[in-house]
Amino acid sequence: MELSNNEVRHKKNLGVEYLEFTAFDAYPNILADFAIRGQANLDYNWSENNGNYIKLAMALGIDYDGIVKAPEQVHGDEAARVNSIMDTPNRVDALMTNVSGISLVMRVADCIAVLVYDPVNNAVANIHSGWRGTLLRIAPKTIRRMADEYGTKSEDVVVALCPSIGPDHFEVTEDVRAQFEAEFGLSHITQSDEMHYLIDAPACLTDSLIEIGVQPQNIHSSGLCTVCHNNLIHSYRANTDDEKTCRNASIICIM
């Protein structure tokens, strides 16, 4: 199945399948991709045993030794500045840098990976925003942190929302629904049955970005649901039990 649309190109190279965001075509110094399971069923979990990050680096034409990822993502709202390939920030859910050659990686399987580029100050961020992180507004907080570190202005950034669980499949119970209503109101919540509700988490995240001044025309969503496309994209909810730990990888780099 081909996943390309107006926002992403589905590409295949050296057995690796990934989505390339068209929003970054105007910035040839930026690589912004989302590596998926593909037909080869690749897994980008923390483990290096399968060598998939080496395959990914070769397919994208980046330096494997320049990949930086947080060993433990904890569904929080902390962002870490990466100044060197020797940095290994732990227990954070967002990474940012203004150093070329560093490839920031986050791992997701239904959560929203958010790729951010500040073309004025040439800085990037990669954010893991699960439902808890979305409630904590980790994406707006990371952009504010970029303002402190690099002088980033919200109105300048280009943002890409990677494939995540869509509004037709993110079904929750009353406790989670109540948290989203308290934070974002009712506009992105619908009741699916007597005890369950469907939430459009990407729409909530988008609202939170616009509230801090990100321009709507600069927010680009892949429009792809991980559950709907589980044959090519890992989904925690749709994966079989023996694949629950499998992950896709979002990656952004200043070349």
C-alpha atoms as a PDB file:
ATOM      1  CA  MET A   1       0.000   0.000   0.000  1.00  0.00           C
ATOM      2  CA  GLU A   2       1.232   3.477  -0.878  1.00  0.00           C
ATOM      3  CA  LEU A   3       0.946   6.010   1.980  1.00  0.00           C
ATOM      4  CA  SER A   4       1.917   9.146   0.044  1.00  0.00           C
ATOM      5  CA  ASN A   5      -0.385  12.172   0.163  1.00  0.00           C
ATOM      6  CA  ASN A   6       0.001  15.948  -0.084  1.00  0.00           C
ATOM      7  CA  GLU A   7       1.956  16.069   3.185  1.00  0.00           C
ATOM      8  CA  VAL A   8       4.192  12.989   3.020  1.00  0.00           C
ATOM      9  CA  ARG A   9       6.031  10.879   0.465  1.00  0.00           C
ATOM     10  CA  HIS A  10       6.252   7.149   1.117  1.00  0.00           C
ATOM     11  CA  LYS A  11       9.813   6.188   0.250  1.00  0.00           C
ATOM     12  CA  LYS A  12      11.715   2.906   0.193  1.00  0.00           C
ATOM     13  CA  ASN A  13      15.471   2.468   0.184  1.00  0.00           C
ATOM     14  CA  LEU A  14      17.718  -0.464   1.096  1.00  0.00           C
ATOM     15  CA  GLY A  15      14.784  -2.373   2.614  1.00  0.00           C
ATOM     16  CA  VAL A  16      13.762   0.577   4.814  1.00  0.00           C
ATOM     17  CA  GLU A  17      10.415   2.335   4.401  1.00  0.00           C
ATOM     18  CA  TYR A  18       9.823   5.848   5.677  1.00  0.00           C
ATOM     19  CA  LEU A  19       7.684   8.933   5.211  1.00  0.00           C
ATOM     20  CA  GLU A  20       9.295  12.191   4.122  1.00  0.00           C
ATOM     21  CA  PHE A  21       7.463  15.434   4.910  1.00  0.00           C
ATOM     22  CA  THR A  22       6.948  17.718   1.925  1.00  0.00           C
ATOM     23  CA  ALA A  23       6.775  20.752   4.250  1.00  0.00           C
ATOM     24  CA  PHE A  24      10.546  20.607   4.560  1.00  0.00           C
ATOM     25  CA  ASP A  25      11.229  20.581   0.818  1.00  0.00           C
ATOM     26  CA  ALA A  26      11.950  24.307   1.034  1.00  0.00           C
ATOM     27  CA  TYR A  27      14.741  23.592   3.530  1.00  0.00           C
ATOM     28  CA  PRO A  28      17.336  21.319   1.878  1.00  0.00           C
ATOM     29  CA  ASN A  29      19.484  21.448   5.017  1.00  0.00           C
ATOM     30  CA  ILE A  30      16.787  19.644   7.042  1.00  0.00           C
ATOM     31  CA  LEU A  31      16.009  15.934   7.098  1.00  0.00           C
ATOM     32  CA  ALA A  32      12.626  15.176   8.670  1.00  0.00           C
ATOM     33  CA  ASP A  33      11.335  11.619   8.312  1.00  0.00           C
ATOM     34  CA  PHE A  34       9.226   8.949   9.985  1.00  0.00           C
ATOM     35  CA  ALA A  35      10.522   5.375   9.728  1.00  0.00           C
ATOM     36  CA  ILE A  36       7.765   2.744   9.621  1.00  0.00           C
ATOM     37  CA  ARG A  37       7.545  -1.021   9.922  1.00  0.00           C
ATOM     38  CA  GLY A  38       7.072  -1.419   6.189  1.00  0.00           C
ATOM     39  CA  GLN A  39       6.882  -4.735   4.396  1.00  0.00           C
ATOM     40  CA  ALA A  40      10.068  -5.833   6.161  1.00  0.00           C
ATOM     41  CA  ASN A  41       8.342  -5.251   9.543  1.00  0.00           C
ATOM     42  CA  LEU A  42      11.283  -3.290  10.938  1.00  0.00           C
ATOM     43  CA  ASP A  43      11.267  -2.306  14.614  1.00  0.00           C
ATOM     44  CA  TYR A  44      12.922   0.826  15.996  1.00  0.00           C
ATOM     45  CA  ASN A  45      12.729   0.054  19.686  1.00  0.00           C
ATOM     46  CA  TRP A  46      15.590   1.037  21.984  1.00  0.00           C
ATOM     47  CA  SER A  47      17.360  -2.297  21.407  1.00  0.00           C
ATOM     48  CA  GLU A  48      20.250  -2.185  18.943  1.00  0.00           C
ATOM     49  CA  ASN A  49      20.391  -5.955  18.594  1.00  0.00           C
ATOM     50  CA  ASN A  50      18.600  -6.084  15.260  1.00  0.00           C
ATOM     51  CA  GLY A  51      20.726  -3.390  13.624  1.00  0.00           C
ATOM     52  CA  ASN A  52      17.718  -1.484  12.317  1.00  0.00           C
ATOM     53  CA  TYR A  53      19.151   1.918  13.232  1.00  0.00           C
ATOM     54  CA  ILE A  54      22.215   1.097  11.145  1.00  0.00           C
ATOM     55  CA  LYS A  55      19.903   0.221   8.246  1.00  0.00           C
ATOM     56  CA  LEU A  56      17.968   3.435   8.822  1.00  0.00           C
ATOM     57  CA  ALA A  57      21.112   5.572   8.802  1.00  0.00           C
ATOM     58  CA  MET A  58      22.265   3.987   5.551  1.00  0.00           C
ATOM     59  CA  ALA A  59      18.847   4.435   3.915  1.00  0.00           C
ATOM     60  CA  LEU A  60      18.617   8.112   4.893  1.00  0.00           C
ATOM     61  CA  GLY A  61      22.250   8.915   4.175  1.00  0.00           C
ATOM     62  CA  ILE A  62      23.076  10.062   7.697  1.00  0.00           C
ATOM     63  CA  ASP A  63      25.854   9.148  10.113  1.00  0.00           C
ATOM     64  CA  TYR A  64      24.805   6.320  12.419  1.00  0.00           C
ATOM     65  CA  ASP A  65      27.139   7.687  15.111  1.00  0.00           C
ATOM     66  CA  GLY A  66      25.249  10.991  14.970  1.00  0.00           C
ATOM     67  CA  ILE A  67      21.953   9.472  16.150  1.00  0.00           C
ATOM     68  CA  VAL A  68      20.883  10.676  19.608  1.00  0.00           C
ATOM     69  CA  LYS A  69      17.829   9.274  21.383  1.00  0.00           C
ATOM     70  CA  ALA A  70      16.601   9.224  24.955  1.00  0.00           C
ATOM     71  CA  PRO A  71      16.998   5.711  26.380  1.00  0.00           C
ATOM     72  CA  GLU A  72      13.768   6.115  28.357  1.00  0.00           C
ATOM     73  CA  GLN A  73      10.724   8.108  27.252  1.00  0.00           C
ATOM     74  CA  VAL A  74       8.392   8.613  30.209  1.00  0.00           C
ATOM     75  CA  HIS A  75       5.298  10.432  28.885  1.00  0.00           C
ATOM     76  CA  GLY A  76       6.321  13.622  30.657  1.00  0.00           C
ATOM     77  CA  ASP A  77       6.896  17.206  29.534  1.00  0.00           C
ATOM     78  CA  GLU A  78      10.675  17.573  29.823  1.00  0.00           C
ATOM     79  CA  ALA A  79      12.842  18.629  26.877  1.00  0.00           C
ATOM     80  CA  ALA A  80      16.616  18.303  26.717  1.00  0.00           C
ATOM     81  CA  ARG A  81      19.117  20.335  24.719  1.00  0.00           C
ATOM     82  CA  VAL A  82      21.562  18.187  22.770  1.00  0.00           C
ATOM     83  CA  ASN A  83      24.914  19.855  22.154  1.00  0.00           C
ATOM     84  CA  SER A  84      26.971  16.834  21.149  1.00  0.00           C
ATOM     85  CA  ILE A  85      26.566  13.303  19.816  1.00  0.00           C
ATOM     86  CA  MET A  86      27.934  12.241  23.200  1.00  0.00           C
ATOM     87  CA  ASP A  87      24.812  13.554  24.938  1.00  0.00           C
ATOM     88  CA  THR A  88      22.348  10.847  26.010  1.00  0.00           C
ATOM     89  CA  PRO A  89      19.540  12.650  27.838  1.00  0.00           C
ATOM     90  CA  ASN A  90      17.399  10.177  29.760  1.00  0.00           C
ATOM     91  CA  ARG A  91      13.804  10.248  31.019  1.00  0.00           C
ATOM     92  CA  VAL A  92      12.842  13.042  28.625  1.00  0.00           C
ATOM     93  CA  ASP A  93      10.269  13.145  25.853  1.00  0.00           C
ATOM     94  CA  ALA A  94      11.690  15.917  23.686  1.00  0.00           C
ATOM     95  CA  LEU A  95      15.121  16.603  22.251  1.00  0.00           C
ATOM     96  CA  MET A  96      16.340  19.792  20.596  1.00  0.00           C
ATOM     97  CA  THR A  97      19.539  20.976  18.964  1.00  0.00           C
ATOM     98  CA  ASN A  98      21.065  23.628  16.716  1.00  0.00           C
ATOM     99  CA  VAL A  99      24.111  21.500  15.898  1.00  0.00           C
ATOM    100  CA  SER A 100      24.421  20.053  12.411  1.00  0.00           C
ATOM    101  CA  GLY A 101      25.054  16.334  12.043  1.00  0.00           C
ATOM    102  CA  ILE A 102      23.044  15.353  15.119  1.00  0.00           C
ATOM    103  CA  SER A 103      19.989  13.225  14.289  1.00  0.00           C
ATOM    104  CA  LEU A 104      17.341  13.427  17.006  1.00  0.00           C
ATOM    105  CA  VAL A 105      15.175  10.301  17.295  1.00  0.00           C
ATOM    106  CA  MET A 106      11.950   9.537  19.151  1.00  0.00           C
ATOM    107  CA  ARG A 107      10.131   6.198  19.192  1.00  0.00           C
ATOM    108  CA  VAL A 108       6.350   5.936  18.909  1.00  0.00           C
ATOM    109  CA  ALA A 109       3.530   3.497  18.164  1.00  0.00           C
ATOM    110  CA  ASP A 110       0.235   5.478  18.365  1.00  0.00           C
ATOM    111  CA  CYS A 111       1.635   8.504  20.212  1.00  0.00           C
ATOM    112  CA  ILE A 112       2.201  11.684  18.217  1.00  0.00           C
ATOM    113  CA  ALA A 113       5.767  12.421  17.160  1.00  0.00           C
ATOM    114  CA  VAL A 114       6.165  16.164  16.524  1.00  0.00           C
ATOM    115  CA  LEU A 115       9.001  17.475  14.355  1.00  0.00           C
ATOM    116  CA  VAL A 116       9.821  21.180  14.722  1.00  0.00           C
ATOM    117  CA  TYR A 117      12.125  23.412  12.672  1.00  0.00           C
ATOM    118  CA  ASP A 118      13.004  27.038  13.355  1.00  0.00           C
ATOM    119  CA  PRO A 119      14.343  28.308  10.007  1.00  0.00           C
ATOM    120  CA  VAL A 120      15.367  31.679  11.439  1.00  0.00           C
ATOM    121  CA  ASN A 121      17.709  30.317  14.113  1.00  0.00           C
ATOM    122  CA  ASN A 122      18.341  26.952  12.429  1.00  0.00           C
ATOM    123  CA  ALA A 123      17.228  24.825  15.367  1.00  0.00           C
ATOM    124  CA  VAL A 124      15.169  21.634  15.484  1.00  0.00           C
ATOM    125  CA  ALA A 125      13.233  19.533  17.983  1.00  0.00           C
ATOM    126  CA  ASN A 126      11.751  16.037  18.066  1.00  0.00           C
ATOM    127  CA  ILE A 127       8.894  15.543  20.519  1.00  0.00           C
ATOM    128  CA  HIS A 128       7.109  12.441  21.825  1.00  0.00           C
ATOM    129  CA  SER A 129       3.560  13.493  22.683  1.00  0.00           C
ATOM    130  CA  GLY A 130       1.381  10.635  23.894  1.00  0.00           C
ATOM    131  CA  TRP A 131      -2.001  11.396  25.371  1.00  0.00           C
ATOM    132  CA  ARG A 132      -0.374  12.267  28.678  1.00  0.00           C
ATOM    133  CA  GLY A 133       2.188  14.473  26.980  1.00  0.00           C
ATOM    134  CA  THR A 134      -0.542  16.149  24.950  1.00  0.00           C
ATOM    135  CA  LEU A 135      -2.416  16.943  28.170  1.00  0.00           C
ATOM    136  CA  LEU A 136       0.841  18.280  29.639  1.00  0.00           C
ATOM    137  CA  ARG A 137       1.325  20.389  26.484  1.00  0.00           C
ATOM    138  CA  ILE A 138       4.824  19.106  25.904  1.00  0.00           C
ATOM    139  CA  ALA A 139       4.951  20.444  22.323  1.00  0.00           C
ATOM    140  CA  PRO A 140       4.217  24.090  23.247  1.00  0.00           C
ATOM    141  CA  LYS A 141       6.567  23.806  26.230  1.00  0.00           C
ATOM    142  CA  THR A 142       9.359  22.525  23.994  1.00  0.00           C
ATOM    143  CA  ILE A 143       8.927  25.426  21.576  1.00  0.00           C
ATOM    144  CA  ARG A 144       9.060  27.814  24.524  1.00  0.00           C
ATOM    145  CA  ARG A 145      12.255  26.060  25.637  1.00  0.00           C
ATOM    146  CA  MET A 146      13.636  26.572  22.122  1.00  0.00           C
ATOM    147  CA  ALA A 147      12.856  30.265  22.579  1.00  0.00           C
ATOM    148  CA  ASP A 148      14.980  30.323  25.729  1.00  0.00           C
ATOM    149  CA  GLU A 149      17.838  28.329  24.194  1.00  0.00           C
ATOM    150  CA  TYR A 150      17.918  29.537  20.587  1.00  0.00           C
ATOM    151  CA  GLY A 151      15.721  32.627  20.355  1.00  0.00           C
ATOM    152  CA  THR A 152      12.965  30.728  18.540  1.00  0.00           C
ATOM    153  CA  LYS A 153       9.681  32.554  17.865  1.00  0.00           C
ATOM    154  CA  SER A 154       6.506  30.489  17.667  1.00  0.00           C
ATOM    155  CA  GLU A 155       5.319  32.278  14.546  1.00  0.00           C
ATOM    156  CA  ASP A 156       8.430  31.171  12.641  1.00  0.00           C
ATOM    157  CA  VAL A 157       8.445  27.420  13.290  1.00  0.00           C
ATOM    158  CA  VAL A 158       7.431  24.712  10.842  1.00  0.00           C
ATOM    159  CA  VAL A 159       5.769  21.737  12.558  1.00  0.00           C
ATOM    160  CA  ALA A 160       5.048  18.216  11.295  1.00  0.00           C
ATOM    161  CA  LEU A 161       2.733  15.792  13.084  1.00  0.00           C
ATOM    162  CA  CYS A 162       3.711  12.202  12.314  1.00  0.00           C
ATOM    163  CA  PRO A 163       1.209   9.331  11.975  1.00  0.00           C
ATOM    164  CA  SER A 164      -0.562   8.531  15.236  1.00  0.00           C
ATOM    165  CA  ILE A 165      -3.752   6.924  16.458  1.00  0.00           C
ATOM    166  CA  GLY A 166      -6.638   8.725  14.800  1.00  0.00           C
ATOM    167  CA  PRO A 167      -9.894  10.129  16.222  1.00  0.00           C
ATOM    168  CA  ASP A 168     -11.864   7.066  15.117  1.00  0.00           C
ATOM    169  CA  HIS A 169      -9.680   4.713  17.186  1.00  0.00           C
ATOM    170  CA  PHE A 170      -8.451   6.630  20.238  1.00  0.00           C
ATOM    171  CA  GLU A 171     -11.218   5.342  22.497  1.00  0.00           C
ATOM    172  CA  VAL A 172     -11.004   6.137  26.211  1.00  0.00           C
ATOM    173  CA  THR A 173     -13.027   5.833  29.392  1.00  0.00           C
ATOM    174  CA  GLU A 174     -14.450   8.608  31.564  1.00  0.00           C
ATOM    175  CA  ASP A 175     -11.269   9.317  33.528  1.00  0.00           C
ATOM    176  CA  VAL A 176      -9.231  10.220  30.444  1.00  0.00           C
ATOM    177  CA  ARG A 177     -12.164  11.991  28.788  1.00  0.00           C
ATOM    178  CA  ALA A 178     -12.565  14.236  31.828  1.00  0.00           C
ATOM    179  CA  GLN A 179      -8.892  15.239  31.674  1.00  0.00           C
ATOM    180  CA  PHE A 180      -9.140  16.188  28.007  1.00  0.00           C
ATOM    181  CA  GLU A 181     -12.335  18.149  28.591  1.00  0.00           C
ATOM    182  CA  ALA A 182     -10.701  20.061  31.438  1.00  0.00           C
ATOM    183  CA  GLU A 183      -7.678  20.922  29.289  1.00  0.00           C
ATOM    184  CA  PHE A 184      -9.151  21.342  25.801  1.00  0.00           C
ATOM    185  CA  GLY A 185     -12.925  21.509  26.125  1.00  0.00           C
ATOM    186  CA  LEU A 186     -15.436  19.326  24.316  1.00  0.00           C
ATOM    187  CA  SER A 187     -14.834  20.201  20.669  1.00  0.00           C
ATOM    188  CA  HIS A 188     -12.593  17.191  19.964  1.00  0.00           C
ATOM    189  CA  ILE A 189     -14.486  14.596  22.046  1.00  0.00           C
ATOM    190  CA  THR A 190     -17.385  12.394  20.903  1.00  0.00           C
ATOM    191  CA  GLN A 191     -19.192   9.668  22.806  1.00  0.00           C
ATOM    192  CA  SER A 192     -18.898   6.219  21.193  1.00  0.00           C
ATOM    193  CA  ASP A 193     -21.057   4.246  23.616  1.00  0.00           C
ATOM    194  CA  GLU A 194     -22.393   4.439  27.159  1.00  0.00           C
ATOM    195  CA  MET A 195     -18.934   4.128  28.759  1.00  0.00           C
ATOM    196  CA  HIS A 196     -16.469   5.166  26.048  1.00  0.00           C
ATOM    197  CA  TYR A 197     -15.414   8.287  24.189  1.00  0.00           C
ATOM    198  CA  LEU A 198     -13.351   9.050  21.089  1.00  0.00           C
ATOM    199  CA  ILE A 199     -10.757  11.826  21.252  1.00  0.00           C
ATOM    200  CA  ASP A 200      -8.980  13.613  18.415  1.00  0.00           C
ATOM    201  CA  ALA A 201      -5.588  14.006  20.098  1.00  0.00           C
ATOM    202  CA  PRO A 202      -3.810  15.540  17.055  1.00  0.00           C
ATOM    203  CA  ALA A 203      -6.497  18.238  16.918  1.00  0.00           C
ATOM    204  CA  CYS A 204      -5.997  18.971  20.638  1.00  0.00           C
ATOM    205  CA  LEU A 205      -2.245  19.204  20.112  1.00  0.00           C
ATOM    206  CA  THR A 206      -2.743  21.481  17.108  1.00  0.00           C
ATOM    207  CA  ASP A 207      -4.947  23.790  19.185  1.00  0.00           C
ATOM    208  CA  SER A 208      -2.256  23.984  21.861  1.00  0.00           C
ATOM    209  CA  LEU A 209       0.333  25.012  19.259  1.00  0.00           C
ATOM    210  CA  ILE A 210      -1.878  27.690  17.742  1.00  0.00           C
ATOM    211  CA  GLU A 211      -2.539  29.085  21.225  1.00  0.00           C
ATOM    212  CA  ILE A 212       1.175  29.899  21.628  1.00  0.00           C
ATOM    213  CA  GLY A 213       1.404  31.585  18.243  1.00  0.00           C
ATOM    214  CA  VAL A 214       2.335  28.822  15.811  1.00  0.00           C
ATOM    215  CA  GLN A 215       0.791  29.720  12.455  1.00  0.00           C
ATOM    216  CA  PRO A 216      -1.911  27.242  11.361  1.00  0.00           C
ATOM    217  CA  GLN A 217      -0.473  27.125   7.842  1.00  0.00           C
ATOM    218  CA  ASN A 218       2.848  26.010   9.329  1.00  0.00           C
ATOM    219  CA  ILE A 219       1.369  22.933  11.043  1.00  0.00           C
ATOM    220  CA  HIS A 220       1.459  19.916   8.751  1.00  0.00           C
ATOM    221  CA  SER A 221      -0.207  16.633   9.689  1.00  0.00           C
ATOM    222  CA  SER A 222       0.464  13.388   7.853  1.00  0.00           C
ATOM    223  CA  GLY A 223      -3.258  12.612   8.178  1.00  0.00           C
ATOM    224  CA  LEU A 224      -2.374   8.945   8.660  1.00  0.00           C
ATOM    225  CA  CYS A 225      -3.766   6.769  11.452  1.00  0.00           C
ATOM    226  CA  THR A 226      -1.443   4.115  12.852  1.00  0.00           C
ATOM    227  CA  VAL A 227      -4.331   1.744  13.551  1.00  0.00           C
ATOM    228  CA  CYS A 228      -5.811   2.074  10.060  1.00  0.00           C
ATOM    229  CA  HIS A 229      -2.396   1.471   8.484  1.00  0.00           C
ATOM    230  CA  ASN A 230      -1.054  -1.100  10.923  1.00  0.00           C
ATOM    231  CA  ASN A 231       0.087  -3.263   8.037  1.00  0.00           C
ATOM    232  CA  LEU A 232       2.831  -0.682   7.415  1.00  0.00           C
ATOM    233  CA  ILE A 233       3.009   1.411  10.601  1.00  0.00           C
ATOM    234  CA  HIS A 234       3.425   0.012  14.126  1.00  0.00           C
ATOM    235  CA  SER A 235       0.419   0.617  16.382  1.00  0.00           C
ATOM    236  CA  TYR A 236       0.411  -0.364  20.040  1.00  0.00           C
ATOM    237  CA  ARG A 237      -3.343  -0.892  19.998  1.00  0.00           C
ATOM    238  CA  ALA A 238      -3.392  -2.855  16.744  1.00  0.00           C
ATOM    239  CA  ASN A 239      -0.111  -4.796  17.048  1.00  0.00           C
ATOM    240  CA  THR A 240      -0.266  -8.440  18.050  1.00  0.00           C
ATOM    241  CA  ASP A 241       0.835  -9.271  21.603  1.00  0.00           C
ATOM    242  CA  ASP A 242       4.337 -10.286  20.520  1.00  0.00           C
ATOM    243  CA  GLU A 243       4.754  -6.920  18.749  1.00  0.00           C
ATOM    244  CA  LYS A 244       3.575  -4.624  21.549  1.00  0.00           C
ATOM    245  CA  THR A 245       7.109  -3.337  22.118  1.00  0.00           C
ATOM    246  CA  CYS A 246       7.703  -2.553  18.422  1.00  0.00           C
ATOM    247  CA  ARG A 247       8.099   1.113  17.494  1.00  0.00           C
ATOM    248  CA  ASN A 248       8.311   3.498  14.560  1.00  0.00           C
ATOM    249  CA  ALA A 249      10.994   6.191  14.639  1.00  0.00           C
ATOM    250  CA  SER A 250      10.677   9.916  14.013  1.00  0.00           C
ATOM    251  CA  ILE A 251      13.921  11.586  13.052  1.00  0.00           C
ATOM    252  CA  ILE A 252      15.041  15.162  12.371  1.00  0.00           C
ATOM    253  CA  CYS A 253      18.501  16.452  11.573  1.00  0.00           C
ATOM    254  CA  ILE A 254      20.280  19.610  10.478  1.00  0.00           C
ATOM    255  CA  MET A 255      22.442  18.295   7.662  1.00  0.00           C
END
